Amino acid sequence: VQRLPLRFFDRYPVGRLVTRLGNDVENLS
């Protein structure tokens, strides 16, 4: 995520991104 260009965050919803990085990883655990 830190290597993604800034225009990616303009297109992709931030809330969905936070869910991917948080809740979905916890479900995998």
PDB file of all heavy atoms in Angstrom:
ATOM      1  N   VAL A   1       0.835  -1.207   0.000  1.00  0.00           N
ATOM      2  CA  VAL A   1       0.000   0.000   0.000  1.00  0.00           C
ATOM      3  C   VAL A   1       0.868   1.253   0.000  1.00  0.00           C
ATOM      4  O   VAL A   1       0.553   2.248  -0.673  1.00  0.00           O
ATOM      5  CB  VAL A   1      -0.947  -0.015   1.219  1.00  0.00           C
ATOM      6  CG1 VAL A   1      -1.641   1.340   1.396  1.00  0.00           C
ATOM      7  CG2 VAL A   1      -1.993  -1.112   1.052  1.00  0.00           C
ATOM      8  N   GLN A   2       1.961   1.222   0.727  1.00  0.00           N
ATOM      9  CA  GLN A   2       2.816   2.403   0.803  1.00  0.00           C
ATOM     10  C   GLN A   2       3.519   2.703  -0.521  1.00  0.00           C
ATOM     11  O   GLN A   2       3.957   3.828  -0.747  1.00  0.00           O
ATOM     12  CB  GLN A   2       3.857   2.217   1.910  1.00  0.00           C
ATOM     13  CG  GLN A   2       3.252   2.264   3.307  1.00  0.00           C
ATOM     14  CD  GLN A   2       4.258   1.954   4.388  1.00  0.00           C
ATOM     15  OE1 GLN A   2       5.389   1.559   4.101  1.00  0.00           O
ATOM     16  NE2 GLN A   2       3.860   2.124   5.637  1.00  0.00           N
ATOM     17  N   ARG A   3       3.616   1.716  -1.389  1.00  0.00           N
ATOM     18  CA  ARG A   3       4.263   1.945  -2.689  1.00  0.00           C
ATOM     19  C   ARG A   3       3.267   2.341  -3.776  1.00  0.00           C
ATOM     20  O   ARG A   3       3.666   2.621  -4.904  1.00  0.00           O
ATOM     21  CB  ARG A   3       5.012   0.676  -3.122  1.00  0.00           C
ATOM     22  CG  ARG A   3       6.253   0.379  -2.290  1.00  0.00           C
ATOM     23  CD  ARG A   3       7.118  -0.671  -2.981  1.00  0.00           C
ATOM     24  NE  ARG A   3       6.402  -1.914  -3.182  1.00  0.00           N
ATOM     25  CZ  ARG A   3       6.421  -2.931  -2.315  1.00  0.00           C
ATOM     26  NH1 ARG A   3       7.139  -2.837  -1.196  1.00  0.00           N
ATOM     27  NH2 ARG A   3       5.769  -4.043  -2.559  1.00  0.00           N
ATOM     28  N   LEU A   4       1.969   2.346  -3.454  1.00  0.00           N
ATOM     29  CA  LEU A   4       0.962   2.689  -4.452  1.00  0.00           C
ATOM     30  C   LEU A   4       0.990   4.196  -4.738  1.00  0.00           C
ATOM     31  O   LEU A   4       1.271   5.005  -3.850  1.00  0.00           O
ATOM     32  CB  LEU A   4      -0.433   2.289  -3.956  1.00  0.00           C
ATOM     33  CG  LEU A   4      -0.694   0.787  -3.840  1.00  0.00           C
ATOM     34  CD1 LEU A   4      -2.054   0.543  -3.187  1.00  0.00           C
ATOM     35  CD2 LEU A   4      -0.649   0.121  -5.208  1.00  0.00           C
ATOM     36  N   PRO A   5       0.670   4.571  -5.966  1.00  0.00           N
ATOM     37  CA  PRO A   5       0.622   6.008  -6.291  1.00  0.00           C
ATOM     38  C   PRO A   5      -0.571   6.677  -5.618  1.00  0.00           C
ATOM     39  O   PRO A   5      -1.561   6.018  -5.274  1.00  0.00           O
ATOM     40  CB  PRO A   5       0.481   6.015  -7.824  1.00  0.00           C
ATOM     41  CG  PRO A   5      -0.131   4.687  -8.149  1.00  0.00           C
ATOM     42  CD  PRO A   5       0.401   3.718  -7.142  1.00  0.00           C
ATOM     43  N   LEU A   6      -0.495   8.001  -5.452  1.00  0.00           N
ATOM     44  CA  LEU A   6      -1.556   8.721  -4.756  1.00  0.00           C
ATOM     45  C   LEU A   6      -2.888   8.645  -5.494  1.00  0.00           C
ATOM     46  O   LEU A   6      -3.948   8.698  -4.869  1.00  0.00           O
ATOM     47  CB  LEU A   6      -1.138  10.185  -4.580  1.00  0.00           C
ATOM     48  CG  LEU A   6       0.016  10.429  -3.596  1.00  0.00           C
ATOM     49  CD1 LEU A   6       0.360  11.913  -3.559  1.00  0.00           C
ATOM     50  CD2 LEU A   6      -0.341   9.920  -2.209  1.00  0.00           C
ATOM     51  N   ARG A   7      -2.845   8.519  -6.838  1.00  0.00           N
ATOM     52  CA  ARG A   7      -4.111   8.473  -7.583  1.00  0.00           C
ATOM     53  C   ARG A   7      -4.923   7.220  -7.242  1.00  0.00           C
ATOM     54  O   ARG A   7      -6.138   7.192  -7.434  1.00  0.00           O
ATOM     55  CB  ARG A   7      -3.829   8.533  -9.082  1.00  0.00           C
ATOM     56  CG  ARG A   7      -3.003   7.391  -9.620  1.00  0.00           C
ATOM     57  CD  ARG A   7      -2.845   7.498 -11.132  1.00  0.00           C
ATOM     58  NE  ARG A   7      -2.050   6.422 -11.681  1.00  0.00           N
ATOM     59  CZ  ARG A   7      -0.734   6.440 -11.772  1.00  0.00           C
ATOM     60  NH1 ARG A   7      -0.058   7.518 -11.344  1.00  0.00           N
ATOM     61  NH2 ARG A   7      -0.060   5.423 -12.294  1.00  0.00           N
ATOM     62  N   PHE A   8      -4.259   6.180  -6.742  1.00  0.00           N
ATOM     63  CA  PHE A   8      -5.000   4.980  -6.335  1.00  0.00           C
ATOM     64  C   PHE A   8      -5.969   5.292  -5.195  1.00  0.00           C
ATOM     65  O   PHE A   8      -7.110   4.813  -5.188  1.00  0.00           O
ATOM     66  CB  PHE A   8      -4.017   3.889  -5.896  1.00  0.00           C
ATOM     67  CG  PHE A   8      -4.680   2.704  -5.232  1.00  0.00           C
ATOM     68  CD1 PHE A   8      -5.265   1.700  -5.989  1.00  0.00           C
ATOM     69  CD2 PHE A   8      -4.741   2.601  -3.838  1.00  0.00           C
ATOM     70  CE1 PHE A   8      -5.882   0.606  -5.378  1.00  0.00           C
ATOM     71  CE2 PHE A   8      -5.362   1.524  -3.231  1.00  0.00           C
ATOM     72  CZ  PHE A   8      -5.930   0.529  -4.001  1.00  0.00           C
ATOM     73  N   PHE A   9      -5.565   6.126  -4.252  1.00  0.00           N
ATOM     74  CA  PHE A   9      -6.406   6.450  -3.104  1.00  0.00           C
ATOM     75  C   PHE A   9      -7.539   7.387  -3.486  1.00  0.00           C
ATOM     76  O   PHE A   9      -8.508   7.523  -2.728  1.00  0.00           O
ATOM     77  CB  PHE A   9      -5.543   7.070  -1.995  1.00  0.00           C
ATOM     78  CG  PHE A   9      -4.445   6.163  -1.510  1.00  0.00           C
ATOM     79  CD1 PHE A   9      -3.160   6.275  -2.019  1.00  0.00           C
ATOM     80  CD2 PHE A   9      -4.701   5.183  -0.573  1.00  0.00           C
ATOM     81  CE1 PHE A   9      -2.152   5.445  -1.585  1.00  0.00           C
ATOM     82  CE2 PHE A   9      -3.697   4.344  -0.128  1.00  0.00           C
ATOM     83  CZ  PHE A   9      -2.422   4.464  -0.644  1.00  0.00           C
ATOM     84  N   ASP A  10      -7.443   8.030  -4.641  1.00  0.00           N
ATOM     85  CA  ASP A  10      -8.555   8.843  -5.131  1.00  0.00           C
ATOM     86  C   ASP A  10      -9.655   7.973  -5.738  1.00  0.00           C
ATOM     87  O   ASP A  10     -10.817   8.360  -5.736  1.00  0.00           O
ATOM     88  CB  ASP A  10      -8.063   9.838  -6.186  1.00  0.00           C
ATOM     89  CG  ASP A  10      -7.129  10.872  -5.590  1.00  0.00           C
ATOM     90  OD1 ASP A  10      -7.261  11.152  -4.382  1.00  0.00           O
ATOM     91  OD2 ASP A  10      -6.254  11.376  -6.321  1.00  0.00           O
ATOM     92  N   ARG A  11      -9.290   6.798  -6.249  1.00  0.00           N
ATOM     93  CA  ARG A  11     -10.266   5.908  -6.902  1.00  0.00           C
ATOM     94  C   ARG A  11     -10.833   4.863  -5.947  1.00  0.00           C
ATOM     95  O   ARG A  11     -11.980   4.459  -6.084  1.00  0.00           O
ATOM     96  CB  ARG A  11      -9.610   5.183  -8.089  1.00  0.00           C
ATOM     97  CG  ARG A  11      -9.092   6.092  -9.190  1.00  0.00           C
ATOM     98  CD  ARG A  11      -8.803   5.290 -10.451  1.00  0.00           C
ATOM     99  NE  ARG A  11      -8.051   4.077 -10.169  1.00  0.00           N
ATOM    100  CZ  ARG A  11      -6.716   3.993 -10.230  1.00  0.00           C
ATOM    101  NH1 ARG A  11      -6.012   5.079 -10.540  1.00  0.00           N
ATOM    102  NH2 ARG A  11      -6.103   2.854  -9.977  1.00  0.00           N
ATOM    103  N   TYR A  12     -10.020   4.426  -5.016  1.00  0.00           N
ATOM    104  CA  TYR A  12     -10.427   3.313  -4.148  1.00  0.00           C
ATOM    105  C   TYR A  12     -10.950   3.864  -2.823  1.00  0.00           C
ATOM    106  O   TYR A  12     -10.279   4.672  -2.179  1.00  0.00           O
ATOM    107  CB  TYR A  12      -9.231   2.393  -3.895  1.00  0.00           C
ATOM    108  CG  TYR A  12      -9.607   1.007  -3.431  1.00  0.00           C
ATOM    109  CD1 TYR A  12      -9.778  -0.025  -4.342  1.00  0.00           C
ATOM    110  CD2 TYR A  12      -9.788   0.724  -2.085  1.00  0.00           C
ATOM    111  CE1 TYR A  12     -10.117  -1.303  -3.923  1.00  0.00           C
ATOM    112  CE2 TYR A  12     -10.134  -0.535  -1.657  1.00  0.00           C
ATOM    113  CZ  TYR A  12     -10.296  -1.549  -2.578  1.00  0.00           C
ATOM    114  OH  TYR A  12     -10.640  -2.812  -2.169  1.00  0.00           O
ATOM    115  N   PRO A  13     -12.149   3.442  -2.362  1.00  0.00           N
ATOM    116  CA  PRO A  13     -12.691   3.944  -1.089  1.00  0.00           C
ATOM    117  C   PRO A  13     -11.757   3.618   0.078  1.00  0.00           C
ATOM    118  O   PRO A  13     -11.318   2.475   0.244  1.00  0.00           O
ATOM    119  CB  PRO A  13     -14.025   3.201  -0.951  1.00  0.00           C
ATOM    120  CG  PRO A  13     -14.387   2.794  -2.340  1.00  0.00           C
ATOM    121  CD  PRO A  13     -13.089   2.540  -3.054  1.00  0.00           C
ATOM    122  N   VAL A  14     -11.493   4.616   0.896  1.00  0.00           N
ATOM    123  CA  VAL A  14     -10.554   4.429   2.008  1.00  0.00           C
ATOM    124  C   VAL A  14     -11.113   3.452   3.037  1.00  0.00           C
ATOM    125  O   VAL A  14     -10.381   2.629   3.596  1.00  0.00           O
ATOM    126  CB  VAL A  14     -10.240   5.793   2.660  1.00  0.00           C
ATOM    127  CG1 VAL A  14      -9.322   5.609   3.861  1.00  0.00           C
ATOM    128  CG2 VAL A  14      -9.602   6.730   1.649  1.00  0.00           C
ATOM    129  N   GLY A  15     -12.418   3.522   3.289  1.00  0.00           N
ATOM    130  CA  GLY A  15     -13.010   2.603   4.260  1.00  0.00           C
ATOM    131  C   GLY A  15     -12.865   1.149   3.851  1.00  0.00           C
ATOM    132  O   GLY A  15     -12.590   0.273   4.673  1.00  0.00           O
ATOM    133  N   ARG A  16     -13.032   0.896   2.566  1.00  0.00           N
ATOM    134  CA  ARG A  16     -12.868  -0.478   2.069  1.00  0.00           C
ATOM    135  C   ARG A  16     -11.408  -0.922   2.183  1.00  0.00           C
ATOM    136  O   ARG A  16     -11.114  -2.079   2.479  1.00  0.00           O
ATOM    137  CB  ARG A  16     -13.340  -0.546   0.622  1.00  0.00           C
ATOM    138  CG  ARG A  16     -13.626  -1.963   0.134  1.00  0.00           C
ATOM    139  CD  ARG A  16     -14.152  -1.916  -1.288  1.00  0.00           C
ATOM    140  NE  ARG A  16     -15.361  -1.122  -1.392  1.00  0.00           N
ATOM    141  CZ  ARG A  16     -16.570  -1.598  -1.135  1.00  0.00           C
ATOM    142  NH1 ARG A  16     -16.717  -2.844  -0.742  1.00  0.00           N
ATOM    143  NH2 ARG A  16     -17.630  -0.822  -1.278  1.00  0.00           N
ATOM    144  N   LEU A  17     -10.509  -0.018   1.977  1.00  0.00           N
ATOM    145  CA  LEU A  17      -9.089  -0.338   2.090  1.00  0.00           C
ATOM    146  C   LEU A  17      -8.728  -0.679   3.539  1.00  0.00           C
ATOM    147  O   LEU A  17      -7.982  -1.632   3.801  1.00  0.00           O
ATOM    148  CB  LEU A  17      -8.257   0.837   1.595  1.00  0.00           C
ATOM    149  CG  LEU A  17      -6.740   0.656   1.604  1.00  0.00           C
ATOM    150  CD1 LEU A  17      -6.333  -0.492   0.685  1.00  0.00           C
ATOM    151  CD2 LEU A  17      -6.039   1.935   1.187  1.00  0.00           C
ATOM    152  N   VAL A  18      -9.273   0.097   4.480  1.00  0.00           N
ATOM    153  CA  VAL A  18      -9.019  -0.182   5.898  1.00  0.00           C
ATOM    154  C   VAL A  18      -9.581  -1.549   6.285  1.00  0.00           C
ATOM    155  O   VAL A  18      -8.964  -2.304   7.050  1.00  0.00           O
ATOM    156  CB  VAL A  18      -9.624   0.930   6.764  1.00  0.00           C
ATOM    157  CG1 VAL A  18      -9.524   0.568   8.248  1.00  0.00           C
ATOM    158  CG2 VAL A  18      -8.910   2.249   6.500  1.00  0.00           C
ATOM    159  N   THR A  19     -10.752  -1.887   5.741  1.00  0.00           N
ATOM    160  CA  THR A  19     -11.334  -3.197   6.017  1.00  0.00           C
ATOM    161  C   THR A  19     -10.448  -4.312   5.488  1.00  0.00           C
ATOM    162  O   THR A  19     -10.252  -5.342   6.153  1.00  0.00           O
ATOM    163  CB  THR A  19     -12.735  -3.291   5.379  1.00  0.00           C
ATOM    164  OG1 THR A  19     -13.576  -2.280   5.934  1.00  0.00           O
ATOM    165  CG2 THR A  19     -13.362  -4.654   5.633  1.00  0.00           C
ATOM    166  N   ARG A  20      -9.916  -4.125   4.288  1.00  0.00           N
ATOM    167  CA  ARG A  20      -9.013  -5.130   3.701  1.00  0.00           C
ATOM    168  C   ARG A  20      -7.779  -5.334   4.576  1.00  0.00           C
ATOM    169  O   ARG A  20      -7.338  -6.456   4.806  1.00  0.00           O
ATOM    170  CB  ARG A  20      -8.589  -4.695   2.302  1.00  0.00           C
ATOM    171  CG  ARG A  20      -9.660  -4.836   1.254  1.00  0.00           C
ATOM    172  CD  ARG A  20      -9.970  -6.284   1.015  1.00  0.00           C
ATOM    173  NE  ARG A  20     -10.939  -6.456  -0.047  1.00  0.00           N
ATOM    174  CZ  ARG A  20     -11.786  -7.458  -0.100  1.00  0.00           C
ATOM    175  NH1 ARG A  20     -11.785  -8.359   0.862  1.00  0.00           N
ATOM    176  NH2 ARG A  20     -12.613  -7.572  -1.096  1.00  0.00           N
ATOM    177  N   LEU A  21      -7.220  -4.255   5.074  1.00  0.00           N
ATOM    178  CA  LEU A  21      -5.975  -4.341   5.834  1.00  0.00           C
ATOM    179  C   LEU A  21      -6.201  -4.779   7.281  1.00  0.00           C
ATOM    180  O   LEU A  21      -5.266  -5.248   7.927  1.00  0.00           O
ATOM    181  CB  LEU A  21      -5.258  -2.987   5.826  1.00  0.00           C
ATOM    182  CG  LEU A  21      -4.781  -2.489   4.467  1.00  0.00           C
ATOM    183  CD1 LEU A  21      -4.159  -1.109   4.586  1.00  0.00           C
ATOM    184  CD2 LEU A  21      -3.780  -3.462   3.851  1.00  0.00           C
ATOM    185  N   GLY A  22      -7.409  -4.621   7.769  1.00  0.00           N
ATOM    186  CA  GLY A  22      -7.681  -4.951   9.164  1.00  0.00           C
ATOM    187  C   GLY A  22      -8.527  -6.186   9.344  1.00  0.00           C
ATOM    188  O   GLY A  22      -8.032  -7.263   9.699  1.00  0.00           O
ATOM    189  N   ASN A  23      -9.823  -6.063   9.063  1.00  0.00           N
ATOM    190  CA  ASN A  23     -10.762  -7.144   9.355  1.00  0.00           C
ATOM    191  C   ASN A  23     -10.495  -8.396   8.528  1.00  0.00           C
ATOM    192  O   ASN A  23     -10.574  -9.521   9.042  1.00  0.00           O
ATOM    193  CB  ASN A  23     -12.199  -6.657   9.119  1.00  0.00           C
ATOM    194  CG  ASN A  23     -12.583  -5.543  10.065  1.00  0.00           C
ATOM    195  OD1 ASN A  23     -11.941  -5.337  11.087  1.00  0.00           O
ATOM    196  ND2 ASN A  23     -13.622  -4.812   9.726  1.00  0.00           N
ATOM    197  N   ASP A  24     -10.194  -8.209   7.247  1.00  0.00           N
ATOM    198  CA  ASP A  24     -10.002  -9.389   6.392  1.00  0.00           C
ATOM    199  C   ASP A  24      -8.766 -10.188   6.809  1.00  0.00           C
ATOM    200  O   ASP A  24      -8.770 -11.423   6.781  1.00  0.00           O
ATOM    201  CB  ASP A  24      -9.878  -8.958   4.928  1.00  0.00           C
ATOM    202  CG  ASP A  24     -11.197  -8.477   4.370  1.00  0.00           C
ATOM    203  OD1 ASP A  24     -12.188  -8.490   5.118  1.00  0.00           O
ATOM    204  OD2 ASP A  24     -11.245  -8.095   3.189  1.00  0.00           O
ATOM    205  N   VAL A  25      -7.719  -9.507   7.210  1.00  0.00           N
ATOM    206  CA  VAL A  25      -6.529 -10.211   7.680  1.00  0.00           C
ATOM    207  C   VAL A  25      -6.819 -10.931   8.985  1.00  0.00           C
ATOM    208  O   VAL A  25      -6.350 -12.047   9.219  1.00  0.00           O
ATOM    209  CB  VAL A  25      -5.355  -9.225   7.839  1.00  0.00           C
ATOM    210  CG1 VAL A  25      -4.138  -9.923   8.428  1.00  0.00           C
ATOM    211  CG2 VAL A  25      -4.992  -8.610   6.499  1.00  0.00           C
ATOM    212  N   GLU A  26      -7.623 -10.318   9.847  1.00  0.00           N
ATOM    213  CA  GLU A  26      -7.995 -10.971  11.105  1.00  0.00           C
ATOM    214  C   GLU A  26      -8.837 -12.216  10.843  1.00  0.00           C
ATOM    215  O   GLU A  26      -8.710 -13.229  11.544  1.00  0.00           O
ATOM    216  CB  GLU A  26      -8.773  -9.989  11.985  1.00  0.00           C
ATOM    217  CG  GLU A  26      -9.081 -10.522  13.378  1.00  0.00           C
ATOM    218  CD  GLU A  26      -7.826 -10.816  14.168  1.00  0.00           C
ATOM    219  OE1 GLU A  26      -6.797 -10.158  13.933  1.00  0.00           O
ATOM    220  OE2 GLU A  26      -7.862 -11.722  15.021  1.00  0.00           O
ATOM    221  N   ASN A  27      -9.702 -12.165   9.823  1.00  0.00           N
ATOM    222  CA  ASN A  27     -10.478 -13.353   9.450  1.00  0.00           C
ATOM    223  C   ASN A  27      -9.567 -14.476   8.974  1.00  0.00           C
ATOM    224  O   ASN A  27      -9.819 -15.662   9.251  1.00  0.00           O
ATOM    225  CB  ASN A  27     -11.490 -12.996   8.364  1.00  0.00           C
ATOM    226  CG  ASN A  27     -12.585 -12.084   8.875  1.00  0.00           C
ATOM    227  OD1 ASN A  27     -12.874 -12.059  10.070  1.00  0.00           O
ATOM    228  ND2 ASN A  27     -13.191 -11.326   7.985  1.00  0.00           N
ATOM    229  N   LEU A  28      -8.523 -14.126   8.244  1.00  0.00           N
ATOM    230  CA  LEU A  28      -7.549 -15.134   7.831  1.00  0.00           C
ATOM    231  C   LEU A  28      -6.865 -15.766   9.039  1.00  0.00           C
ATOM    232  O   LEU A  28      -6.642 -16.980   9.083  1.00  0.00           O
ATOM    233  CB  LEU A  28      -6.498 -14.501   6.914  1.00  0.00           C
ATOM    234  CG  LEU A  28      -6.888 -14.233   5.466  1.00  0.00           C
ATOM    235  CD1 LEU A  28      -5.749 -13.525   4.751  1.00  0.00           C
ATOM    236  CD2 LEU A  28      -7.230 -15.535   4.759  1.00  0.00           C
ATOM    237  N   SER A  29      -6.557 -14.954  10.030  1.00  0.00           N
ATOM    238  CA  SER A  29      -5.917 -15.475  11.239  1.00  0.00           C
ATOM    239  C   SER A  29      -6.832 -16.460  11.951  1.00  0.00           C
ATOM    240  O   SER A  29      -6.392 -17.520  12.420  1.00  0.00           O
ATOM    241  CB  SER A  29      -5.555 -14.314  12.165  1.00  0.00           C
ATOM    242  OG  SER A  29      -4.985 -14.794  13.358  1.00  0.00           O
TER     243      SER A  29
END
